[in-house]
Full PDB file with SEQRES, HELIX, SHEET, SSBOND, CRYST1, ORIGX, SCALE, CONECT and MASTER records, all heavy atoms in Angstrom:
SEQRES   1 A   38  PHE ALA PHE TYR THR MET GLY TRP PHE HIS GLN ALA PRO          
SEQRES   2 A   38  GLY LYS GLN ARG GLU LEU VAL ALA GLN ILE THR SER SER          
SEQRES   3 A   38  SER VAL THR PHE TYR ALA ASP SER VAL LYS GLY ARG              
SHEET    1 AA1 3 MET A   6  HIS A  10  0                                        
SHEET    2 AA1 3 GLU A  18  ILE A  23 -1                                        
SHEET    3 AA1 3 THR A  29  TYR A  31 -1                                        
CRYST1    1.000    1.000    1.000  90.00  90.00  90.00 P 1           1          
ORIGX1      1.000000  0.000000  0.000000        0.00000                         
ORIGX2      0.000000  1.000000  0.000000        0.00000                         
ORIGX3      0.000000  0.000000  1.000000        0.00000                         
SCALE1      1.000000  0.000000  0.000000        0.00000                         
SCALE2      0.000000  1.000000  0.000000        0.00000                         
SCALE3      0.000000  0.000000  1.000000        0.00000                         
ATOM      1  N   PHE A   1     -28.863 -16.343  91.149  1.00  0.00           N  
ATOM      2  CA  PHE A   1     -29.867 -15.927  92.102  1.00  0.00           C  
ATOM      3  C   PHE A   1     -30.222 -17.054  93.057  1.00  0.00           C  
ATOM      4  O   PHE A   1     -30.396 -16.832  94.306  1.00  0.00           O  
ATOM      5  CB  PHE A   1     -31.103 -15.406  91.370  1.00  0.00           C  
ATOM      6  CG  PHE A   1     -32.363 -15.223  92.251  1.00  0.00           C  
ATOM      7  CD1 PHE A   1     -32.461 -14.048  92.967  1.00  0.00           C  
ATOM      8  CD2 PHE A   1     -33.326 -16.165  92.258  1.00  0.00           C  
ATOM      9  CE1 PHE A   1     -33.615 -13.864  93.711  1.00  0.00           C  
ATOM     10  CE2 PHE A   1     -34.463 -16.034  93.029  1.00  0.00           C  
ATOM     11  CZ  PHE A   1     -34.595 -14.817  93.715  1.00  0.00           C  
ATOM     12  N   ALA A   2     -30.355 -18.256  92.486  1.00  0.00           N  
ATOM     13  CA  ALA A   2     -30.847 -19.376  93.324  1.00  0.00           C  
ATOM     14  C   ALA A   2     -29.915 -19.692  94.510  1.00  0.00           C  
ATOM     15  O   ALA A   2     -30.328 -20.291  95.405  1.00  0.00           O  
ATOM     16  CB  ALA A   2     -31.009 -20.541  92.428  1.00  0.00           C  
ATOM     17  N   PHE A   3     -28.694 -19.281  94.446  1.00  0.00           N  
ATOM     18  CA  PHE A   3     -27.733 -19.625  95.440  1.00  0.00           C  
ATOM     19  C   PHE A   3     -27.778 -18.719  96.679  1.00  0.00           C  
ATOM     20  O   PHE A   3     -27.120 -18.998  97.692  1.00  0.00           O  
ATOM     21  CB  PHE A   3     -26.300 -19.555  94.866  1.00  0.00           C  
ATOM     22  CG  PHE A   3     -26.063 -20.657  93.887  1.00  0.00           C  
ATOM     23  CD1 PHE A   3     -26.200 -20.454  92.491  1.00  0.00           C  
ATOM     24  CD2 PHE A   3     -25.749 -22.018  94.298  1.00  0.00           C  
ATOM     25  CE1 PHE A   3     -26.011 -21.422  91.562  1.00  0.00           C  
ATOM     26  CE2 PHE A   3     -25.559 -22.913  93.304  1.00  0.00           C  
ATOM     27  CZ  PHE A   3     -25.695 -22.667  91.940  1.00  0.00           C  
ATOM     28  N   TYR A   4     -28.473 -17.561  96.535  1.00  0.00           N  
ATOM     29  CA  TYR A   4     -28.355 -16.530  97.579  1.00  0.00           C  
ATOM     30  C   TYR A   4     -29.501 -16.542  98.537  1.00  0.00           C  
ATOM     31  O   TYR A   4     -30.671 -16.801  98.119  1.00  0.00           O  
ATOM     32  CB  TYR A   4     -28.206 -15.179  96.942  1.00  0.00           C  
ATOM     33  CG  TYR A   4     -27.021 -14.983  96.071  1.00  0.00           C  
ATOM     34  CD1 TYR A   4     -27.104 -14.653  94.808  1.00  0.00           C  
ATOM     35  CD2 TYR A   4     -25.718 -15.359  96.577  1.00  0.00           C  
ATOM     36  CE1 TYR A   4     -25.952 -14.507  93.999  1.00  0.00           C  
ATOM     37  CE2 TYR A   4     -24.614 -15.222  95.748  1.00  0.00           C  
ATOM     38  CZ  TYR A   4     -24.652 -14.808  94.454  1.00  0.00           C  
ATOM     39  OH  TYR A   4     -23.618 -14.689  93.646  1.00  0.00           O  
ATOM     40  N   THR A   5     -29.234 -16.196  99.774  1.00  0.00           N  
ATOM     41  CA  THR A   5     -30.334 -15.807 100.710  1.00  0.00           C  
ATOM     42  C   THR A   5     -30.760 -14.472 100.425  1.00  0.00           C  
ATOM     43  O   THR A   5     -29.970 -13.538 100.321  1.00  0.00           O  
ATOM     44  CB  THR A   5     -29.817 -15.926 102.165  1.00  0.00           C  
ATOM     45  OG1 THR A   5     -29.439 -17.286 102.480  1.00  0.00           O  
ATOM     46  CG2 THR A   5     -30.935 -15.478 103.200  1.00  0.00           C  
ATOM     47  N   MET A   6     -32.124 -14.277 100.266  1.00  0.00           N  
ATOM     48  CA  MET A   6     -32.725 -13.046  99.865  1.00  0.00           C  
ATOM     49  C   MET A   6     -33.578 -12.535 101.016  1.00  0.00           C  
ATOM     50  O   MET A   6     -34.224 -13.277 101.826  1.00  0.00           O  
ATOM     51  CB  MET A   6     -33.541 -13.141  98.586  1.00  0.00           C  
ATOM     52  CG  MET A   6     -32.755 -13.523  97.343  1.00  0.00           C  
ATOM     53  SD  MET A   6     -31.564 -12.241  96.907  1.00  0.00           S  
ATOM     54  CE  MET A   6     -32.715 -10.856  96.534  1.00  0.00           C  
ATOM     55  N   GLY A   7     -33.714 -11.172 101.113  1.00  0.00           N  
ATOM     56  CA  GLY A   7     -34.476 -10.643 102.210  1.00  0.00           C  
ATOM     57  C   GLY A   7     -35.386  -9.449 101.618  1.00  0.00           C  
ATOM     58  O   GLY A   7     -35.052  -8.866 100.614  1.00  0.00           O  
ATOM     59  N   TRP A   8     -36.422  -9.289 102.410  1.00  0.00           N  
ATOM     60  CA  TRP A   8     -37.279  -8.069 102.272  1.00  0.00           C  
ATOM     61  C   TRP A   8     -36.948  -7.160 103.443  1.00  0.00           C  
ATOM     62  O   TRP A   8     -36.949  -7.572 104.596  1.00  0.00           O  
ATOM     63  CB  TRP A   8     -38.720  -8.346 102.144  1.00  0.00           C  
ATOM     64  CG  TRP A   8     -39.155  -8.802 100.863  1.00  0.00           C  
ATOM     65  CD1 TRP A   8     -39.322 -10.129 100.355  1.00  0.00           C  
ATOM     66  CD2 TRP A   8     -39.465  -7.944  99.700  1.00  0.00           C  
ATOM     67  NE1 TRP A   8     -39.745 -10.115  99.024  1.00  0.00           N  
ATOM     68  CE2 TRP A   8     -39.797  -8.756  98.586  1.00  0.00           C  
ATOM     69  CE3 TRP A   8     -39.456  -6.575  99.448  1.00  0.00           C  
ATOM     70  CZ2 TRP A   8     -40.176  -8.287  97.332  1.00  0.00           C  
ATOM     71  CZ3 TRP A   8     -39.858  -6.063  98.211  1.00  0.00           C  
ATOM     72  CH2 TRP A   8     -40.200  -6.904  97.191  1.00  0.00           C  
ATOM     73  N   PHE A   9     -36.812  -5.845 103.206  1.00  0.00           N  
ATOM     74  CA  PHE A   9     -36.512  -4.897 104.154  1.00  0.00           C  
ATOM     75  C   PHE A   9     -37.634  -3.797 104.104  1.00  0.00           C  
ATOM     76  O   PHE A   9     -38.131  -3.606 103.062  1.00  0.00           O  
ATOM     77  CB  PHE A   9     -35.162  -4.233 103.985  1.00  0.00           C  
ATOM     78  CG  PHE A   9     -34.036  -5.223 103.945  1.00  0.00           C  
ATOM     79  CD1 PHE A   9     -33.771  -6.043 102.808  1.00  0.00           C  
ATOM     80  CD2 PHE A   9     -33.178  -5.336 105.060  1.00  0.00           C  
ATOM     81  CE1 PHE A   9     -32.784  -6.997 102.882  1.00  0.00           C  
ATOM     82  CE2 PHE A   9     -32.120  -6.248 105.020  1.00  0.00           C  
ATOM     83  CZ  PHE A   9     -31.872  -7.043 103.970  1.00  0.00           C  
ATOM     84  N   HIS A  10     -37.801  -3.081 105.151  1.00  0.00           N  
ATOM     85  CA  HIS A  10     -38.642  -1.863 105.030  1.00  0.00           C  
ATOM     86  C   HIS A  10     -37.936  -0.674 105.767  1.00  0.00           C  
ATOM     87  O   HIS A  10     -37.156  -0.879 106.659  1.00  0.00           O  
ATOM     88  CB  HIS A  10     -40.084  -2.074 105.508  1.00  0.00           C  
ATOM     89  CG  HIS A  10     -40.292  -2.259 106.951  1.00  0.00           C  
ATOM     90  ND1 HIS A  10     -41.458  -2.698 107.533  1.00  0.00           N  
ATOM     91  CD2 HIS A  10     -39.472  -2.127 108.084  1.00  0.00           C  
ATOM     92  CE1 HIS A  10     -41.383  -2.808 108.796  1.00  0.00           C  
ATOM     93  NE2 HIS A  10     -40.188  -2.442 109.211  1.00  0.00           N  
ATOM     94  N   GLN A  11     -38.313   0.485 105.295  1.00  0.00           N  
ATOM     95  CA  GLN A  11     -37.728   1.736 105.901  1.00  0.00           C  
ATOM     96  C   GLN A  11     -38.920   2.784 106.006  1.00  0.00           C  
ATOM     97  O   GLN A  11     -39.413   3.266 104.999  1.00  0.00           O  
ATOM     98  CB  GLN A  11     -36.572   2.280 105.157  1.00  0.00           C  
ATOM     99  CG  GLN A  11     -35.919   3.507 105.770  1.00  0.00           C  
ATOM    100  CD  GLN A  11     -34.579   3.808 105.120  1.00  0.00           C  
ATOM    101  OE1 GLN A  11     -34.388   3.507 103.934  1.00  0.00           O  
ATOM    102  NE2 GLN A  11     -33.721   4.534 105.778  1.00  0.00           N  
ATOM    103  N   ALA A  12     -39.330   3.077 107.220  1.00  0.00           N  
ATOM    104  CA  ALA A  12     -40.253   4.058 107.510  1.00  0.00           C  
ATOM    105  C   ALA A  12     -39.613   5.442 107.521  1.00  0.00           C  
ATOM    106  O   ALA A  12     -38.419   5.489 107.849  1.00  0.00           O  
ATOM    107  CB  ALA A  12     -40.996   3.724 108.769  1.00  0.00           C  
ATOM    108  N   PRO A  13     -40.300   6.503 107.346  1.00  0.00           N  
ATOM    109  CA  PRO A  13     -39.767   7.902 107.415  1.00  0.00           C  
ATOM    110  C   PRO A  13     -39.045   8.126 108.647  1.00  0.00           C  
ATOM    111  O   PRO A  13     -39.632   7.870 109.766  1.00  0.00           O  
ATOM    112  CB  PRO A  13     -40.979   8.788 107.199  1.00  0.00           C  
ATOM    113  CG  PRO A  13     -42.012   7.971 106.455  1.00  0.00           C  
ATOM    114  CD  PRO A  13     -41.762   6.564 106.938  1.00  0.00           C  
ATOM    115  N   GLY A  14     -37.788   8.577 108.602  1.00  0.00           N  
ATOM    116  CA  GLY A  14     -37.016   8.908 109.827  1.00  0.00           C  
ATOM    117  C   GLY A  14     -36.431   7.743 110.561  1.00  0.00           C  
ATOM    118  O   GLY A  14     -35.877   7.879 111.656  1.00  0.00           O  
ATOM    119  N   LYS A  15     -36.617   6.488 109.971  1.00  0.00           N  
ATOM    120  CA  LYS A  15     -36.103   5.299 110.699  1.00  0.00           C  
ATOM    121  C   LYS A  15     -35.139   4.557 109.841  1.00  0.00           C  
ATOM    122  O   LYS A  15     -35.017   4.820 108.617  1.00  0.00           O  
ATOM    123  CB  LYS A  15     -37.305   4.375 111.049  1.00  0.00           C  
ATOM    124  CG  LYS A  15     -38.276   4.995 112.069  1.00  0.00           C  
ATOM    125  CD  LYS A  15     -39.284   4.009 112.503  1.00  0.00           C  
ATOM    126  CE  LYS A  15     -40.220   4.609 113.627  1.00  0.00           C  
ATOM    127  NZ  LYS A  15     -41.236   3.573 114.107  1.00  0.00           N  
ATOM    128  N   GLN A  16     -34.349   3.690 110.446  1.00  0.00           N  
ATOM    129  CA  GLN A  16     -33.382   2.870 109.679  1.00  0.00           C  
ATOM    130  C   GLN A  16     -34.152   1.743 108.954  1.00  0.00           C  
ATOM    131  O   GLN A  16     -35.223   1.321 109.338  1.00  0.00           O  
ATOM    132  CB  GLN A  16     -32.416   2.302 110.620  1.00  0.00           C  
ATOM    133  CG  GLN A  16     -31.430   3.305 111.250  1.00  0.00           C  
ATOM    134  CD  GLN A  16     -30.310   2.642 112.060  1.00  0.00           C  
ATOM    135  OE1 GLN A  16     -30.441   1.559 112.574  1.00  0.00           O  
ATOM    136  NE2 GLN A  16     -29.115   3.341 112.145  1.00  0.00           N  
ATOM    137  N   ARG A  17     -33.476   1.304 107.988  1.00  0.00           N  
ATOM    138  CA  ARG A  17     -33.988   0.183 107.191  1.00  0.00           C  
ATOM    139  C   ARG A  17     -33.849  -1.132 108.022  1.00  0.00           C  
ATOM    140  O   ARG A  17     -32.834  -1.290 108.683  1.00  0.00           O  
ATOM    141  CB  ARG A  17     -33.160  -0.002 105.902  1.00  0.00           C  
ATOM    142  CG  ARG A  17     -33.692  -1.006 104.883  1.00  0.00           C  
ATOM    143  CD  ARG A  17     -32.780  -0.944 103.653  1.00  0.00           C  
ATOM    144  NE  ARG A  17     -33.022   0.291 102.875  1.00  0.00           N  
ATOM    145  CZ  ARG A  17     -32.137   0.920 102.160  1.00  0.00           C  
ATOM    146  NH1 ARG A  17     -30.892   0.349 102.039  1.00  0.00           N  
ATOM    147  NH2 ARG A  17     -32.438   1.975 101.401  1.00  0.00           N  
ATOM    148  N   GLU A  18     -34.895  -1.918 108.075  1.00  0.00           N  
ATOM    149  CA  GLU A  18     -34.921  -3.073 108.831  1.00  0.00           C  
ATOM    150  C   GLU A  18     -35.374  -4.306 108.019  1.00  0.00           C  
ATOM    151  O   GLU A  18     -36.154  -4.233 107.133  1.00  0.00           O  
ATOM    152  CB  GLU A  18     -36.036  -2.935 109.955  1.00  0.00           C  
ATOM    153  CG  GLU A  18     -35.812  -1.770 110.987  1.00  0.00           C  
ATOM    154  CD  GLU A  18     -36.967  -1.691 112.044  1.00  0.00           C  
ATOM    155  OE1 GLU A  18     -38.092  -2.078 111.663  1.00  0.00           O  
ATOM    156  OE2 GLU A  18     -36.610  -1.213 113.086  1.00  0.00           O  
ATOM    157  N   LEU A  19     -34.741  -5.419 108.490  1.00  0.00           N  
ATOM    158  CA  LEU A  19     -35.138  -6.683 107.857  1.00  0.00           C  
ATOM    159  C   LEU A  19     -36.502  -7.095 108.331  1.00  0.00           C  
ATOM    160  O   LEU A  19     -36.769  -7.173 109.428  1.00  0.00           O  
ATOM    161  CB  LEU A  19     -34.077  -7.778 108.238  1.00  0.00           C  
ATOM    162  CG  LEU A  19     -34.298  -9.140 107.627  1.00  0.00           C  
ATOM    163  CD1 LEU A  19     -34.181  -9.179 106.126  1.00  0.00           C  
ATOM    164  CD2 LEU A  19     -33.358 -10.198 108.245  1.00  0.00           C  
ATOM    165  N   VAL A  20     -37.366  -7.469 107.286  1.00  0.00           N  
ATOM    166  CA  VAL A  20     -38.639  -7.928 107.535  1.00  0.00           C  
ATOM    167  C   VAL A  20     -38.787  -9.462 107.456  1.00  0.00           C  
ATOM    168  O   VAL A  20     -39.386 -10.159 108.275  1.00  0.00           O  
ATOM    169  CB  VAL A  20     -39.663  -7.353 106.578  1.00  0.00           C  
ATOM    170  CG1 VAL A  20     -41.090  -7.911 106.664  1.00  0.00           C  
ATOM    171  CG2 VAL A  20     -39.758  -5.805 106.783  1.00  0.00           C  
ATOM    172  N   ALA A  21     -38.148 -10.061 106.422  1.00  0.00           N  
ATOM    173  CA  ALA A  21     -38.173 -11.487 106.193  1.00  0.00           C  
ATOM    174  C   ALA A  21     -37.042 -11.898 105.312  1.00  0.00           C  
ATOM    175  O   ALA A  21     -36.609 -11.032 104.540  1.00  0.00           O  
ATOM    176  CB  ALA A  21     -39.557 -11.856 105.523  1.00  0.00           C  
ATOM    177  N   GLN A  22     -36.657 -13.113 105.397  1.00  0.00           N  
ATOM    178  CA  GLN A  22     -35.625 -13.614 104.543  1.00  0.00           C  
ATOM    179  C   GLN A  22     -35.864 -15.110 104.188  1.00  0.00           C  
ATOM    180  O   GLN A  22     -36.545 -15.740 104.904  1.00  0.00           O  
ATOM    181  CB  GLN A  22     -34.255 -13.470 105.138  1.00  0.00           C  
ATOM    182  CG  GLN A  22     -33.948 -14.411 106.329  1.00  0.00           C  
ATOM    183  CD  GLN A  22     -32.531 -14.223 106.860  1.00  0.00           C  
ATOM    184  OE1 GLN A  22     -32.055 -13.077 107.112  1.00  0.00           O  
ATOM    185  NE2 GLN A  22     -31.772 -15.329 107.030  1.00  0.00           N  
ATOM    186  N   ILE A  23     -35.301 -15.521 103.036  1.00  0.00           N  
ATOM    187  CA  ILE A  23     -35.478 -16.878 102.605  1.00  0.00           C  
ATOM    188  C   ILE A  23     -34.137 -17.369 102.029  1.00  0.00           C  
ATOM    189  O   ILE A  23     -33.566 -16.721 101.204  1.00  0.00           O  
ATOM    190  CB  ILE A  23     -36.627 -16.922 101.558  1.00  0.00           C  
ATOM    191  CG1 ILE A  23     -36.830 -18.347 101.110  1.00  0.00           C  
ATOM    192  CG2 ILE A  23     -36.293 -16.063 100.309  1.00  0.00           C  
ATOM    193  CD1 ILE A  23     -38.135 -18.503 100.347  1.00  0.00           C  
ATOM    194  N   THR A  24     -33.735 -18.521 102.500  1.00  0.00           N  
ATOM    195  CA  THR A  24     -32.449 -19.071 102.027  1.00  0.00           C  
ATOM    196  C   THR A  24     -32.612 -19.752 100.708  1.00  0.00           C  
ATOM    197  O   THR A  24     -33.710 -19.913 100.059  1.00  0.00           O  
ATOM    198  CB  THR A  24     -31.949 -20.125 103.039  1.00  0.00           C  
ATOM    199  OG1 THR A  24     -32.780 -21.290 102.982  1.00  0.00           O  
ATOM    200  CG2 THR A  24     -31.885 -19.555 104.450  1.00  0.00           C  
ATOM    201  N   SER A  25     -31.502 -20.252 100.145  1.00  0.00           N  
ATOM    202  CA  SER A  25     -31.518 -20.881  98.858  1.00  0.00           C  
ATOM    203  C   SER A  25     -32.331 -22.199  98.911  1.00  0.00           C  
ATOM    204  O   SER A  25     -32.815 -22.678  97.904  1.00  0.00           O  
ATOM    205  CB  SER A  25     -30.109 -21.220  98.423  1.00  0.00           C  
ATOM    206  OG  SER A  25     -29.409 -21.995  99.407  1.00  0.00           O  
ATOM    207  N   SER A  26     -32.426 -22.801 100.100  1.00  0.00           N  
ATOM    208  CA  SER A  26     -33.259 -23.957 100.251  1.00  0.00           C  
ATOM    209  C   SER A  26     -34.612 -23.654 100.793  1.00  0.00           C  
ATOM    210  O   SER A  26     -35.304 -24.520 101.339  1.00  0.00           O  
ATOM    211  CB  SER A  26     -32.591 -24.929 101.133  1.00  0.00           C  
ATOM    212  OG  SER A  26     -32.219 -24.342 102.409  1.00  0.00           O  
ATOM    213  N   SER A  27     -35.104 -22.399 100.744  1.00  0.00           N  
ATOM    214  CA  SER A  27     -36.405 -21.839 101.117  1.00  0.00           C  
ATOM    215  C   SER A  27     -36.695 -21.989 102.566  1.00  0.00           C  
ATOM    216  O   SER A  27     -37.821 -22.070 103.015  1.00  0.00           O  
ATOM    217  CB  SER A  27     -37.444 -22.582 100.323  1.00  0.00           C  
ATOM    218  OG  SER A  27     -37.301 -22.254  98.987  1.00  0.00           O  
ATOM    219  N   VAL A  28     -35.654 -21.966 103.419  1.00  0.00           N  
ATOM    220  CA  VAL A  28     -35.876 -21.818 104.885  1.00  0.00           C  
ATOM    221  C   VAL A  28     -36.129 -20.281 105.145  1.00  0.00           C  
ATOM    222  O   VAL A  28     -35.425 -19.467 104.599  1.00  0.00           O  
ATOM    223  CB  VAL A  28     -34.660 -22.258 105.716  1.00  0.00           C  
ATOM    224  CG1 VAL A  28     -34.879 -21.967 107.201  1.00  0.00           C  
ATOM    225  CG2 VAL A  28     -34.421 -23.716 105.432  1.00  0.00           C  
ATOM    226  N   THR A  29     -37.116 -20.062 105.872  1.00  0.00           N  
ATOM    227  CA  THR A  29     -37.602 -18.656 106.068  1.00  0.00           C  
ATOM    228  C   THR A  29     -37.378 -18.128 107.509  1.00  0.00           C  
ATOM    229  O   THR A  29     -37.385 -18.940 108.428  1.00  0.00           O  
ATOM    230  CB  THR A  29     -39.050 -18.448 105.714  1.00  0.00           C  
ATOM    231  OG1 THR A  29     -39.891 -19.341 106.469  1.00  0.00           O  
ATOM    232  CG2 THR A  29     -39.264 -18.778 104.212  1.00  0.00           C  
ATOM    233  N   PHE A  30     -37.294 -16.821 107.588  1.00  0.00           N  
ATOM    234  CA  PHE A  30     -37.122 -16.120 108.874  1.00  0.00           C  
ATOM    235  C   PHE A  30     -38.098 -14.874 108.776  1.00  0.00           C  
ATOM    236  O   PHE A  30     -38.078 -14.274 107.721  1.00  0.00           O  
ATOM    237  CB  PHE A  30     -35.777 -15.768 109.189  1.00  0.00           C  
ATOM    238  CG  PHE A  30     -35.592 -14.715 110.248  1.00  0.00           C  
ATOM    239  CD1 PHE A  30     -35.702 -15.113 111.611  1.00  0.00           C  
ATOM    240  CD2 PHE A  30     -35.578 -13.401 109.966  1.00  0.00           C  
ATOM    241  CE1 PHE A  30     -35.546 -14.121 112.612  1.00  0.00           C  
ATOM    242  CE2 PHE A  30     -35.475 -12.427 110.948  1.00  0.00           C  
ATOM    243  CZ  PHE A  30     -35.495 -12.814 112.290  1.00  0.00           C  
ATOM    244  N   TYR A  31     -38.786 -14.538 109.879  1.00  0.00           N  
ATOM    245  CA  TYR A  31     -39.575 -13.328 109.992  1.00  0.00           C  
ATOM    246  C   TYR A  31     -39.327 -12.551 111.168  1.00  0.00           C  
ATOM    247  O   TYR A  31     -39.066 -13.098 112.192  1.00  0.00           O  
ATOM    248  CB  TYR A  31     -41.031 -13.760 109.867  1.00  0.00           C  
ATOM    249  CG  TYR A  31     -41.483 -14.447 108.645  1.00  0.00           C  
ATOM    250  CD1 TYR A  31     -41.458 -15.921 108.593  1.00  0.00           C  
ATOM    251  CD2 TYR A  31     -41.843 -13.766 107.458  1.00  0.00           C  
ATOM    252  CE1 TYR A  31     -41.849 -16.555 107.462  1.00  0.00           C  
ATOM    253  CE2 TYR A  31     -42.197 -14.454 106.339  1.00  0.00           C  
ATOM    254  CZ  TYR A  31     -42.154 -15.816 106.310  1.00  0.00           C  
ATOM    255  OH  TYR A  31     -42.491 -16.519 105.130  1.00  0.00           O  
ATOM    256  N   ALA A  32     -39.338 -11.231 110.999  1.00  0.00           N  
ATOM    257  CA  ALA A  32     -39.311 -10.356 112.138  1.00  0.00           C  
ATOM    258  C   ALA A  32     -40.641 -10.542 112.933  1.00  0.00           C  
ATOM    259  O   ALA A  32     -41.654 -10.907 112.427  1.00  0.00           O  
ATOM    260  CB  ALA A  32     -39.204  -8.908 111.691  1.00  0.00           C  
ATOM    261  N   ASP A  33     -40.481 -10.382 114.275  1.00  0.00           N  
ATOM    262  CA  ASP A  33     -41.649 -10.621 115.115  1.00  0.00           C  
ATOM    263  C   ASP A  33     -42.836  -9.750 114.794  1.00  0.00           C  
ATOM    264  O   ASP A  33     -43.939 -10.223 114.875  1.00  0.00           O  
ATOM    265  CB  ASP A  33     -41.244 -10.304 116.656  1.00  0.00           C  
ATOM    266  CG  ASP A  33     -40.394 -11.373 117.185  1.00  0.00           C  
ATOM    267  OD1 ASP A  33     -40.252 -12.499 116.618  1.00  0.00           O  
ATOM    268  OD2 ASP A  33     -39.777 -11.081 118.251  1.00  0.00           O  
ATOM    269  N   SER A  34     -42.576  -8.583 114.220  1.00  0.00           N  
ATOM    270  CA  SER A  34     -43.657  -7.712 113.970  1.00  0.00           C  
ATOM    271  C   SER A  34     -44.501  -8.127 112.733  1.00  0.00           C  
ATOM    272  O   SER A  34     -45.697  -7.629 112.560  1.00  0.00           O  
ATOM    273  CB  SER A  34     -43.083  -6.288 113.606  1.00  0.00           C  
ATOM    274  OG  SER A  34     -42.204  -6.355 112.528  1.00  0.00           O  
ATOM    275  N   VAL A  35     -44.012  -9.089 111.917  1.00  0.00           N  
ATOM    276  CA  VAL A  35     -44.774  -9.511 110.789  1.00  0.00           C  
ATOM    277  C   VAL A  35     -45.125 -11.036 110.839  1.00  0.00           C  
ATOM    278  O   VAL A  35     -45.830 -11.531 110.006  1.00  0.00           O  
ATOM    279  CB  VAL A  35     -44.067  -9.130 109.486  1.00  0.00           C  
ATOM    280  CG1 VAL A  35     -43.731  -7.650 109.415  1.00  0.00           C  
ATOM    281  CG2 VAL A  35     -42.837 -10.036 109.305  1.00  0.00           C  
ATOM    282  N   LYS A  36     -44.629 -11.685 111.797  1.00  0.00           N  
ATOM    283  CA  LYS A  36     -44.787 -13.197 111.866  1.00  0.00           C  
ATOM    284  C   LYS A  36     -46.277 -13.513 111.866  1.00  0.00           C  
ATOM    285  O   LYS A  36     -47.023 -12.856 112.652  1.00  0.00           O  
ATOM    286  CB  LYS A  36     -44.110 -13.691 113.150  1.00  0.00           C  
ATOM    287  CG  LYS A  36     -43.712 -15.142 113.061  1.00  0.00           C  
ATOM    288  CD  LYS A  36     -42.804 -15.461 114.240  1.00  0.00           C  
ATOM    289  CE  LYS A  36     -41.465 -14.830 114.218  1.00  0.00           C  
ATOM    290  NZ  LYS A  36     -40.597 -15.277 115.331  1.00  0.00           N  
ATOM    291  N   GLY A  37     -46.697 -14.420 111.048  1.00  0.00           N  
ATOM    292  CA  GLY A  37     -48.034 -14.867 110.947  1.00  0.00           C  
ATOM    293  C   GLY A  37     -48.832 -14.002 109.992  1.00  0.00           C  
ATOM    294  O   GLY A  37     -49.930 -14.319 109.680  1.00  0.00           O  
ATOM    295  N   ARG A  38     -48.347 -12.907 109.583  1.00  0.00           N  
ATOM    296  CA  ARG A  38     -49.051 -11.998 108.609  1.00  0.00           C  
ATOM    297  C   ARG A  38     -48.389 -11.958 107.233  1.00  0.00           C  
ATOM    298  O   ARG A  38     -49.064 -11.805 106.203  1.00  0.00           O  
ATOM    299  CB  ARG A  38     -49.104 -10.543 109.169  1.00  0.00           C  
ATOM    300  CG  ARG A  38     -49.835 -10.529 110.470  1.00  0.00           C  
ATOM    301  CD  ARG A  38     -50.090  -9.046 110.843  1.00  0.00           C  
ATOM    302  NE  ARG A  38     -48.753  -8.368 111.082  1.00  0.00           N  
ATOM    303  CZ  ARG A  38     -48.497  -7.202 110.415  1.00  0.00           C  
ATOM    304  NH1 ARG A  38     -49.312  -6.759 109.438  1.00  0.00           N  
ATOM    305  NH2 ARG A  38     -47.378  -6.568 110.655  1.00  0.00           N  
TER     306      ARG A  38                                                      
MASTER        0    0    0    0    3    0    0    6  305    1    0    3          
END                                                                             
């Protein structure tokens, strides 16, 4: 597990699954604009 970049996704009704946030094996993070700061 520790070697992989992991992500959280969300899927609203009738919409495609979207990436919300991800974290690399070295804990570098990325956030979708819609959730950045929250």
